[in-house]
Amino acid sequence: MGLYRPDRQVGDPAIYQTVHGYSDEIAPVQLNDKWGFIDKAGTTILPFRYDTVTSFNAGVCAVLMDGKWGFIRHDGSIALPAIWEKTGEFSEGLCPVKKDAKWGLIDLSGKTVLEPKYDDMGSFDAGYLLVTSNNQLMYLDHTLQPVWKQQMSCPAGTNLRMYKAPA
């Protein structure tokens, strides 16, 4: 997929391997198997040095460097060091992070709000966080306490779409 630029003509070869949507006026793009960021004029804003990136969210962007995930700011400076196996996106002030094969939560300062102890974790949505522990689905609220747990008597093969967030 190429990027539209006014100085390019139809049929010109694509500049980038992959282009994602704009967030905060810049877009992540891939060139020579590395990721960087461009503005709407196509000017490189952050150099192509990341293995993988997400879009900016809450003023930071998750980036993969040397096999670990961390967060950068719009100017490319390190917001949170690359120490996690995986990350989600910040939502409602918190972000899921994976360390030692378990998921927990951090805040924007990088402070651990919930120690990694869950097998899987989404991001907060409408005040609730979906987590999995020992194959049991649960919703946590902002106090990080379970407000709903899947009944373990559910038939095998039951999937997430059969359940809704607590009202």
N, C-alpha and C. Protein backbone atom coordinates (compact mmCIF):
# COMPACT_ATOMS: atom_id res chain seq x y z
N MET A 1 0.85 -1.16 0.00
CA MET A 1 0.00 0.00 0.00
C MET A 1 0.90 1.24 0.00
N GLY A 2 0.65 2.16 -0.85
CA GLY A 2 1.43 3.39 -0.90
C GLY A 2 0.70 4.55 -0.24
N LEU A 3 1.38 5.65 -0.09
CA LEU A 3 0.82 6.83 0.53
C LEU A 3 0.57 7.87 -0.55
N TYR A 4 -0.59 8.52 -0.51
CA TYR A 4 -0.87 9.58 -1.46
C TYR A 4 0.00 10.79 -1.15
N ARG A 5 0.66 11.30 -2.16
CA ARG A 5 1.40 12.55 -2.04
C ARG A 5 1.14 13.34 -3.31
N PRO A 6 0.88 14.65 -3.19
CA PRO A 6 0.52 15.45 -4.36
C PRO A 6 1.59 15.47 -5.45
N ASP A 7 2.87 15.27 -5.07
CA ASP A 7 3.94 15.32 -6.06
C ASP A 7 4.13 14.00 -6.79
N ARG A 8 3.34 12.99 -6.44
CA ARG A 8 3.48 11.69 -7.07
C ARG A 8 2.40 11.51 -8.13
N GLN A 9 2.69 10.74 -9.12
CA GLN A 9 1.77 10.48 -10.21
C GLN A 9 1.22 9.06 -10.10
N VAL A 10 0.02 8.85 -10.65
CA VAL A 10 -0.56 7.51 -10.70
C VAL A 10 0.41 6.60 -11.42
N GLY A 11 0.65 5.45 -10.86
CA GLY A 11 1.57 4.49 -11.47
C GLY A 11 2.97 4.54 -10.87
N ASP A 12 3.30 5.64 -10.13
CA ASP A 12 4.60 5.68 -9.46
C ASP A 12 4.65 4.55 -8.44
N PRO A 13 5.82 3.98 -8.20
CA PRO A 13 5.90 2.90 -7.20
C PRO A 13 5.59 3.44 -5.80
N ALA A 14 5.06 2.56 -4.96
CA ALA A 14 4.74 2.94 -3.59
C ALA A 14 6.01 3.25 -2.82
N ILE A 15 5.93 4.21 -1.90
CA ILE A 15 7.08 4.58 -1.09
C ILE A 15 7.20 3.65 0.11
N TYR A 16 6.06 3.36 0.75
CA TYR A 16 6.07 2.63 2.01
C TYR A 16 5.50 1.22 1.85
N GLN A 17 5.99 0.32 2.68
CA GLN A 17 5.48 -1.05 2.69
C GLN A 17 4.08 -1.10 3.29
N THR A 18 3.87 -0.37 4.37
CA THR A 18 2.59 -0.35 5.07
C THR A 18 2.34 1.05 5.60
N VAL A 19 1.08 1.46 5.55
CA VAL A 19 0.68 2.77 6.07
C VAL A 19 -0.54 2.56 6.96
N HIS A 20 -0.51 3.14 8.17
CA HIS A 20 -1.66 3.08 9.06
C HIS A 20 -2.29 4.46 9.12
N GLY A 21 -3.45 4.57 9.73
CA GLY A 21 -4.18 5.82 9.78
C GLY A 21 -3.53 6.88 10.66
N TYR A 22 -3.94 8.11 10.43
CA TYR A 22 -3.42 9.24 11.19
C TYR A 22 -4.06 9.30 12.57
N SER A 23 -3.24 9.66 13.54
CA SER A 23 -3.68 9.90 14.90
C SER A 23 -2.82 11.03 15.42
N ASP A 24 -3.44 12.06 15.96
CA ASP A 24 -2.70 13.23 16.43
C ASP A 24 -1.85 13.85 15.30
N GLU A 25 -2.40 13.84 14.10
CA GLU A 25 -1.80 14.47 12.92
C GLU A 25 -0.57 13.75 12.35
N ILE A 26 -0.23 12.57 12.87
CA ILE A 26 0.88 11.81 12.28
C ILE A 26 0.44 10.37 12.10
N ALA A 27 1.11 9.67 11.17
CA ALA A 27 0.75 8.29 10.86
C ALA A 27 1.98 7.40 10.92
N PRO A 28 1.82 6.19 11.46
CA PRO A 28 2.91 5.22 11.41
C PRO A 28 3.02 4.62 10.00
N VAL A 29 4.24 4.54 9.49
CA VAL A 29 4.49 3.96 8.18
C VAL A 29 5.72 3.05 8.25
N GLN A 30 5.75 2.06 7.38
CA GLN A 30 6.85 1.10 7.37
C GLN A 30 7.67 1.28 6.10
N LEU A 31 8.99 1.33 6.28
CA LEU A 31 9.93 1.48 5.18
C LEU A 31 11.14 0.60 5.47
N ASN A 32 11.48 -0.26 4.53
CA ASN A 32 12.62 -1.18 4.71
C ASN A 32 12.52 -1.96 6.01
N ASP A 33 11.33 -2.47 6.30
CA ASP A 33 11.04 -3.31 7.47
C ASP A 33 11.18 -2.60 8.81
N LYS A 34 11.28 -1.29 8.83
CA LYS A 34 11.29 -0.52 10.08
C LYS A 34 10.15 0.49 10.04
N TRP A 35 9.68 0.88 11.22
CA TRP A 35 8.56 1.80 11.33
C TRP A 35 9.02 3.17 11.79
N GLY A 36 8.37 4.20 11.25
CA GLY A 36 8.57 5.58 11.66
C GLY A 36 7.24 6.29 11.52
N PHE A 37 7.27 7.61 11.60
CA PHE A 37 6.04 8.40 11.52
C PHE A 37 6.21 9.55 10.56
N ILE A 38 5.13 9.86 9.83
CA ILE A 38 5.12 10.98 8.90
C ILE A 38 3.95 11.89 9.22
N ASP A 39 4.05 13.15 8.75
CA ASP A 39 2.91 14.05 8.88
C ASP A 39 2.08 13.97 7.61
N LYS A 40 1.04 14.79 7.51
CA LYS A 40 0.13 14.70 6.36
C LYS A 40 0.77 15.17 5.06
N ALA A 41 1.88 15.88 5.14
CA ALA A 41 2.60 16.29 3.93
C ALA A 41 3.57 15.21 3.48
N GLY A 42 3.70 14.14 4.27
CA GLY A 42 4.62 13.06 3.92
C GLY A 42 6.02 13.25 4.49
N THR A 43 6.22 14.28 5.31
CA THR A 43 7.53 14.54 5.92
C THR A 43 7.76 13.57 7.07
N THR A 44 8.95 13.00 7.13
CA THR A 44 9.28 12.10 8.23
C THR A 44 9.38 12.90 9.52
N ILE A 45 8.57 12.51 10.50
CA ILE A 45 8.54 13.17 11.80
C ILE A 45 9.40 12.40 12.80
N LEU A 46 9.26 11.09 12.81
CA LEU A 46 10.08 10.22 13.66
C LEU A 46 10.76 9.19 12.75
N PRO A 47 12.06 8.99 12.92
CA PRO A 47 12.81 8.13 12.01
C PRO A 47 12.37 6.66 12.04
N PHE A 48 12.75 5.96 11.01
CA PHE A 48 12.39 4.56 10.82
C PHE A 48 13.37 3.67 11.59
N ARG A 49 13.04 3.44 12.87
CA ARG A 49 13.95 2.63 13.70
C ARG A 49 13.22 1.62 14.56
N TYR A 50 11.91 1.54 14.47
CA TYR A 50 11.13 0.66 15.34
C TYR A 50 10.73 -0.61 14.60
N ASP A 51 10.72 -1.73 15.33
CA ASP A 51 10.34 -3.02 14.73
C ASP A 51 8.83 -3.09 14.47
N THR A 52 8.04 -2.54 15.37
CA THR A 52 6.59 -2.46 15.25
C THR A 52 6.12 -1.27 16.08
N VAL A 53 5.01 -0.66 15.68
CA VAL A 53 4.45 0.47 16.42
C VAL A 53 2.93 0.37 16.44
N THR A 54 2.32 1.12 17.35
CA THR A 54 0.88 1.32 17.32
C THR A 54 0.65 2.78 16.96
N SER A 55 -0.56 3.23 17.01
CA SER A 55 -0.84 4.65 16.83
C SER A 55 -0.71 5.37 18.17
N PHE A 56 -0.59 6.68 18.13
CA PHE A 56 -0.54 7.45 19.37
C PHE A 56 -1.90 7.43 20.04
N ASN A 57 -1.86 7.30 21.36
CA ASN A 57 -3.07 7.25 22.17
C ASN A 57 -2.67 7.81 23.52
N ALA A 58 -3.40 8.77 24.02
CA ALA A 58 -3.12 9.40 25.32
C ALA A 58 -1.74 10.05 25.33
N GLY A 59 -1.28 10.50 24.16
CA GLY A 59 0.00 11.20 24.07
C GLY A 59 1.22 10.31 23.96
N VAL A 60 1.01 8.99 23.92
CA VAL A 60 2.13 8.05 23.79
C VAL A 60 1.80 7.00 22.74
N CYS A 61 2.85 6.33 22.30
CA CYS A 61 2.71 5.28 21.29
C CYS A 61 3.55 4.09 21.73
N ALA A 62 2.97 2.90 21.70
CA ALA A 62 3.71 1.69 22.02
C ALA A 62 4.62 1.34 20.84
N VAL A 63 5.89 1.02 21.14
CA VAL A 63 6.86 0.65 20.11
C VAL A 63 7.61 -0.61 20.54
N LEU A 64 7.93 -1.44 19.57
CA LEU A 64 8.72 -2.64 19.81
C LEU A 64 10.15 -2.37 19.39
N MET A 65 11.06 -2.53 20.35
CA MET A 65 12.49 -2.32 20.08
C MET A 65 13.27 -3.47 20.72
N ASP A 66 14.06 -4.14 19.93
CA ASP A 66 14.89 -5.24 20.44
C ASP A 66 14.08 -6.27 21.23
N GLY A 67 12.89 -6.58 20.74
CA GLY A 67 12.09 -7.63 21.34
C GLY A 67 11.27 -7.24 22.55
N LYS A 68 11.31 -5.99 22.98
CA LYS A 68 10.52 -5.53 24.12
C LYS A 68 9.70 -4.31 23.73
N TRP A 69 8.56 -4.14 24.40
CA TRP A 69 7.67 -3.02 24.14
C TRP A 69 7.86 -1.91 25.16
N GLY A 70 7.82 -0.69 24.68
CA GLY A 70 7.86 0.50 25.52
C GLY A 70 6.99 1.56 24.88
N PHE A 71 7.11 2.80 25.35
CA PHE A 71 6.27 3.89 24.84
C PHE A 71 7.12 5.10 24.54
N ILE A 72 6.81 5.80 23.44
CA ILE A 72 7.49 7.04 23.09
C ILE A 72 6.48 8.18 23.07
N ARG A 73 7.03 9.40 23.13
CA ARG A 73 6.22 10.62 23.00
C ARG A 73 6.26 11.07 21.54
N HIS A 74 5.51 12.13 21.22
CA HIS A 74 5.46 12.66 19.86
C HIS A 74 6.82 13.11 19.34
N ASP A 75 7.71 13.52 20.22
CA ASP A 75 9.03 13.98 19.78
C ASP A 75 10.04 12.84 19.67
N GLY A 76 9.59 11.60 19.93
CA GLY A 76 10.46 10.43 19.83
C GLY A 76 11.16 10.08 21.13
N SER A 77 11.03 10.94 22.14
CA SER A 77 11.68 10.64 23.42
C SER A 77 10.96 9.47 24.10
N ILE A 78 11.68 8.76 24.94
CA ILE A 78 11.13 7.61 25.65
C ILE A 78 10.20 8.09 26.76
N ALA A 79 8.95 7.66 26.68
CA ALA A 79 7.98 7.97 27.74
C ALA A 79 8.06 6.89 28.82
N LEU A 80 8.11 5.64 28.40
CA LEU A 80 8.26 4.49 29.30
C LEU A 80 9.21 3.51 28.64
N PRO A 81 10.20 3.00 29.36
CA PRO A 81 11.21 2.13 28.75
C PRO A 81 10.63 0.83 28.21
N ALA A 82 11.33 0.25 27.26
CA ALA A 82 10.91 -1.00 26.62
C ALA A 82 11.27 -2.18 27.53
N ILE A 83 10.29 -2.58 28.36
CA ILE A 83 10.53 -3.67 29.31
C ILE A 83 9.43 -4.73 29.28
N TRP A 84 8.42 -4.56 28.44
CA TRP A 84 7.29 -5.48 28.45
C TRP A 84 7.32 -6.42 27.26
N GLU A 85 6.78 -7.62 27.47
CA GLU A 85 6.67 -8.62 26.41
C GLU A 85 5.64 -8.21 25.38
N LYS A 86 4.60 -7.52 25.84
CA LYS A 86 3.51 -7.07 24.98
C LYS A 86 2.77 -5.95 25.69
N THR A 87 2.07 -5.13 24.93
CA THR A 87 1.24 -4.09 25.54
C THR A 87 -0.08 -4.00 24.80
N GLY A 88 -1.03 -3.36 25.43
CA GLY A 88 -2.28 -3.00 24.78
C GLY A 88 -2.22 -1.51 24.52
N GLU A 89 -3.38 -0.87 24.54
CA GLU A 89 -3.44 0.58 24.37
C GLU A 89 -3.99 1.22 25.63
N PHE A 90 -3.57 2.45 25.88
CA PHE A 90 -4.12 3.19 27.01
C PHE A 90 -5.58 3.48 26.76
N SER A 91 -6.38 3.25 27.76
CA SER A 91 -7.80 3.53 27.72
C SER A 91 -8.23 3.83 29.16
N GLU A 92 -8.94 4.91 29.33
CA GLU A 92 -9.40 5.31 30.65
C GLU A 92 -8.23 5.43 31.64
N GLY A 93 -7.08 5.87 31.10
CA GLY A 93 -5.91 6.15 31.93
C GLY A 93 -5.02 4.97 32.25
N LEU A 94 -5.38 3.78 31.77
CA LEU A 94 -4.61 2.58 32.10
C LEU A 94 -4.30 1.77 30.85
N CYS A 95 -3.22 0.99 30.92
CA CYS A 95 -2.80 0.19 29.77
C CYS A 95 -2.43 -1.22 30.22
N PRO A 96 -2.94 -2.24 29.52
CA PRO A 96 -2.52 -3.60 29.83
C PRO A 96 -1.08 -3.84 29.35
N VAL A 97 -0.29 -4.52 30.17
CA VAL A 97 1.09 -4.87 29.81
C VAL A 97 1.34 -6.32 30.22
N LYS A 98 2.16 -6.99 29.43
CA LYS A 98 2.47 -8.39 29.70
C LYS A 98 3.92 -8.51 30.13
N LYS A 99 4.12 -9.17 31.27
CA LYS A 99 5.47 -9.41 31.79
C LYS A 99 5.48 -10.78 32.44
N ASP A 100 6.52 -11.55 32.14
CA ASP A 100 6.63 -12.92 32.67
C ASP A 100 5.38 -13.74 32.35
N ALA A 101 4.88 -13.57 31.12
CA ALA A 101 3.75 -14.33 30.56
C ALA A 101 2.41 -14.03 31.21
N LYS A 102 2.32 -12.99 32.02
CA LYS A 102 1.06 -12.60 32.66
C LYS A 102 0.77 -11.13 32.38
N TRP A 103 -0.52 -10.77 32.41
CA TRP A 103 -0.97 -9.42 32.12
C TRP A 103 -1.32 -8.66 33.40
N GLY A 104 -0.95 -7.38 33.41
CA GLY A 104 -1.31 -6.46 34.48
C GLY A 104 -1.61 -5.10 33.88
N LEU A 105 -1.67 -4.07 34.71
CA LEU A 105 -2.00 -2.72 34.25
C LEU A 105 -0.98 -1.71 34.76
N ILE A 106 -0.71 -0.71 33.90
CA ILE A 106 0.11 0.43 34.30
C ILE A 106 -0.67 1.71 34.04
N ASP A 107 -0.24 2.79 34.70
CA ASP A 107 -0.81 4.10 34.40
C ASP A 107 0.15 4.84 33.47
N LEU A 108 -0.20 6.07 33.12
CA LEU A 108 0.62 6.84 32.17
C LEU A 108 2.03 7.15 32.68
N SER A 109 2.24 7.09 33.98
CA SER A 109 3.58 7.32 34.52
C SER A 109 4.42 6.05 34.49
N GLY A 110 3.80 4.92 34.15
CA GLY A 110 4.49 3.64 34.14
C GLY A 110 4.35 2.88 35.45
N LYS A 111 3.67 3.47 36.40
CA LYS A 111 3.46 2.81 37.70
C LYS A 111 2.54 1.61 37.52
N THR A 112 2.94 0.49 38.13
CA THR A 112 2.11 -0.71 38.09
C THR A 112 0.89 -0.49 38.99
N VAL A 113 -0.29 -0.58 38.38
CA VAL A 113 -1.55 -0.39 39.09
C VAL A 113 -2.13 -1.75 39.47
N LEU A 114 -1.87 -2.75 38.64
CA LEU A 114 -2.32 -4.12 38.88
C LEU A 114 -1.18 -5.04 38.47
N GLU A 115 -0.62 -5.74 39.43
CA GLU A 115 0.49 -6.65 39.16
C GLU A 115 0.07 -7.67 38.10
N PRO A 116 0.99 -8.04 37.20
CA PRO A 116 0.67 -9.05 36.18
C PRO A 116 0.30 -10.38 36.83
N LYS A 117 -0.96 -10.80 36.61
CA LYS A 117 -1.41 -12.07 37.16
C LYS A 117 -2.48 -12.74 36.29
N TYR A 118 -2.90 -12.08 35.21
CA TYR A 118 -3.96 -12.62 34.36
C TYR A 118 -3.37 -13.24 33.10
N ASP A 119 -4.07 -14.26 32.58
CA ASP A 119 -3.62 -14.95 31.37
C ASP A 119 -3.85 -14.11 30.12
N ASP A 120 -4.89 -13.30 30.14
CA ASP A 120 -5.20 -12.43 29.00
C ASP A 120 -5.94 -11.21 29.53
N MET A 121 -5.87 -10.11 28.78
CA MET A 121 -6.48 -8.87 29.23
C MET A 121 -6.74 -7.96 28.05
N GLY A 122 -7.90 -7.32 28.06
CA GLY A 122 -8.21 -6.31 27.06
C GLY A 122 -7.89 -4.93 27.63
N SER A 123 -8.47 -3.91 27.02
CA SER A 123 -8.35 -2.54 27.54
C SER A 123 -9.67 -2.14 28.15
N PHE A 124 -9.65 -1.16 29.06
CA PHE A 124 -10.88 -0.67 29.64
C PHE A 124 -11.81 -0.17 28.55
N ASP A 125 -13.09 -0.49 28.70
CA ASP A 125 -14.12 -0.03 27.78
C ASP A 125 -15.38 0.23 28.60
N ALA A 126 -15.83 1.48 28.59
CA ALA A 126 -17.04 1.89 29.32
C ALA A 126 -16.94 1.52 30.81
N GLY A 127 -15.74 1.62 31.37
CA GLY A 127 -15.56 1.39 32.79
C GLY A 127 -15.27 -0.03 33.21
N TYR A 128 -15.18 -0.94 32.24
CA TYR A 128 -14.95 -2.35 32.55
C TYR A 128 -13.75 -2.90 31.78
N LEU A 129 -13.10 -3.87 32.40
CA LEU A 129 -11.91 -4.51 31.84
C LEU A 129 -12.14 -6.01 31.79
N LEU A 130 -12.04 -6.60 30.60
CA LEU A 130 -12.21 -8.04 30.45
C LEU A 130 -10.87 -8.72 30.66
N VAL A 131 -10.83 -9.69 31.57
CA VAL A 131 -9.60 -10.46 31.84
C VAL A 131 -9.93 -11.94 31.80
N THR A 132 -8.89 -12.75 31.65
CA THR A 132 -9.02 -14.20 31.70
C THR A 132 -8.03 -14.74 32.70
N SER A 133 -8.49 -15.63 33.54
CA SER A 133 -7.63 -16.30 34.50
C SER A 133 -8.07 -17.76 34.60
N ASN A 134 -7.14 -18.66 34.35
CA ASN A 134 -7.46 -20.10 34.38
C ASN A 134 -8.69 -20.43 33.54
N ASN A 135 -8.72 -19.90 32.33
CA ASN A 135 -9.81 -20.11 31.36
C ASN A 135 -11.15 -19.58 31.82
N GLN A 136 -11.17 -18.70 32.82
CA GLN A 136 -12.42 -18.09 33.26
C GLN A 136 -12.41 -16.61 32.90
N LEU A 137 -13.46 -16.17 32.21
CA LEU A 137 -13.61 -14.76 31.85
C LEU A 137 -14.18 -13.99 33.03
N MET A 138 -13.66 -12.77 33.22
CA MET A 138 -14.16 -11.91 34.29
C MET A 138 -14.14 -10.47 33.79
N TYR A 139 -15.05 -9.66 34.29
CA TYR A 139 -14.99 -8.22 34.10
C TYR A 139 -14.57 -7.60 35.43
N LEU A 140 -13.60 -6.68 35.37
CA LEU A 140 -13.20 -5.91 36.53
C LEU A 140 -13.70 -4.48 36.34
N ASP A 141 -14.00 -3.80 37.44
CA ASP A 141 -14.35 -2.39 37.34
C ASP A 141 -13.11 -1.55 37.67
N HIS A 142 -13.27 -0.24 37.81
CA HIS A 142 -12.10 0.63 38.05
C HIS A 142 -11.47 0.42 39.42
N THR A 143 -12.17 -0.26 40.32
CA THR A 143 -11.53 -0.60 41.60
C THR A 143 -10.70 -1.87 41.44
N LEU A 144 -10.72 -2.44 40.23
CA LEU A 144 -10.00 -3.65 39.85
C LEU A 144 -10.52 -4.89 40.58
N GLN A 145 -11.78 -4.81 40.97
CA GLN A 145 -12.45 -5.94 41.59
C GLN A 145 -13.39 -6.59 40.58
N PRO A 146 -13.52 -7.92 40.61
CA PRO A 146 -14.45 -8.59 39.69
C PRO A 146 -15.89 -8.16 39.95
N VAL A 147 -16.59 -7.83 38.89
CA VAL A 147 -18.01 -7.49 38.99
C VAL A 147 -18.86 -8.52 38.25
N TRP A 148 -18.20 -9.39 37.50
CA TRP A 148 -18.88 -10.47 36.79
C TRP A 148 -17.87 -11.55 36.48
N LYS A 149 -18.27 -12.81 36.69
CA LYS A 149 -17.43 -13.95 36.34
C LYS A 149 -18.26 -14.91 35.50
N GLN A 150 -17.59 -15.50 34.53
CA GLN A 150 -18.23 -16.50 33.70
C GLN A 150 -18.59 -17.70 34.57
N GLN A 151 -19.78 -18.24 34.36
CA GLN A 151 -20.16 -19.45 35.07
C GLN A 151 -19.35 -20.60 34.49
N MET A 152 -18.64 -21.29 35.33
CA MET A 152 -17.78 -22.35 34.83
C MET A 152 -18.58 -23.56 34.34
N SER A 153 -19.87 -23.57 34.55
CA SER A 153 -20.70 -24.66 34.05
C SER A 153 -21.11 -24.43 32.59
N CYS A 154 -20.61 -23.32 31.99
CA CYS A 154 -20.94 -23.04 30.59
C CYS A 154 -20.42 -24.17 29.71
N PRO A 155 -21.13 -24.50 28.66
CA PRO A 155 -20.69 -25.61 27.80
C PRO A 155 -19.36 -25.31 27.12
N ALA A 156 -18.63 -26.36 26.84
CA ALA A 156 -17.35 -26.22 26.12
C ALA A 156 -17.61 -25.55 24.79
N GLY A 157 -16.68 -24.72 24.38
CA GLY A 157 -16.81 -24.04 23.11
C GLY A 157 -17.56 -22.72 23.20
N THR A 158 -18.06 -22.38 24.38
CA THR A 158 -18.74 -21.10 24.55
C THR A 158 -17.75 -20.00 24.25
N ASN A 159 -18.18 -18.99 23.53
CA ASN A 159 -17.23 -17.92 23.20
C ASN A 159 -17.66 -16.59 23.79
N LEU A 160 -16.74 -15.65 23.74
CA LEU A 160 -16.91 -14.34 24.35
C LEU A 160 -18.15 -13.61 23.84
N ARG A 161 -18.53 -13.78 22.58
CA ARG A 161 -19.63 -13.03 22.03
C ARG A 161 -20.98 -13.39 22.70
N MET A 162 -20.98 -14.47 23.45
CA MET A 162 -22.21 -14.88 24.11
C MET A 162 -22.43 -14.11 25.40
N TYR A 163 -21.47 -13.29 25.82
CA TYR A 163 -21.54 -12.57 27.07
C TYR A 163 -21.43 -11.08 26.82
N LYS A 164 -22.09 -10.30 27.64
CA LYS A 164 -22.03 -8.85 27.52
C LYS A 164 -21.45 -8.26 28.79
N ALA A 165 -20.90 -7.07 28.67
CA ALA A 165 -20.40 -6.36 29.85
C ALA A 165 -21.54 -6.11 30.81
N PRO A 166 -21.23 -6.05 32.10
CA PRO A 166 -22.29 -5.78 33.07
C PRO A 166 -22.97 -4.44 32.78
N ALA A 167 -24.25 -4.36 33.04
CA ALA A 167 -24.99 -3.13 32.78
C ALA A 167 -24.82 -2.15 33.90
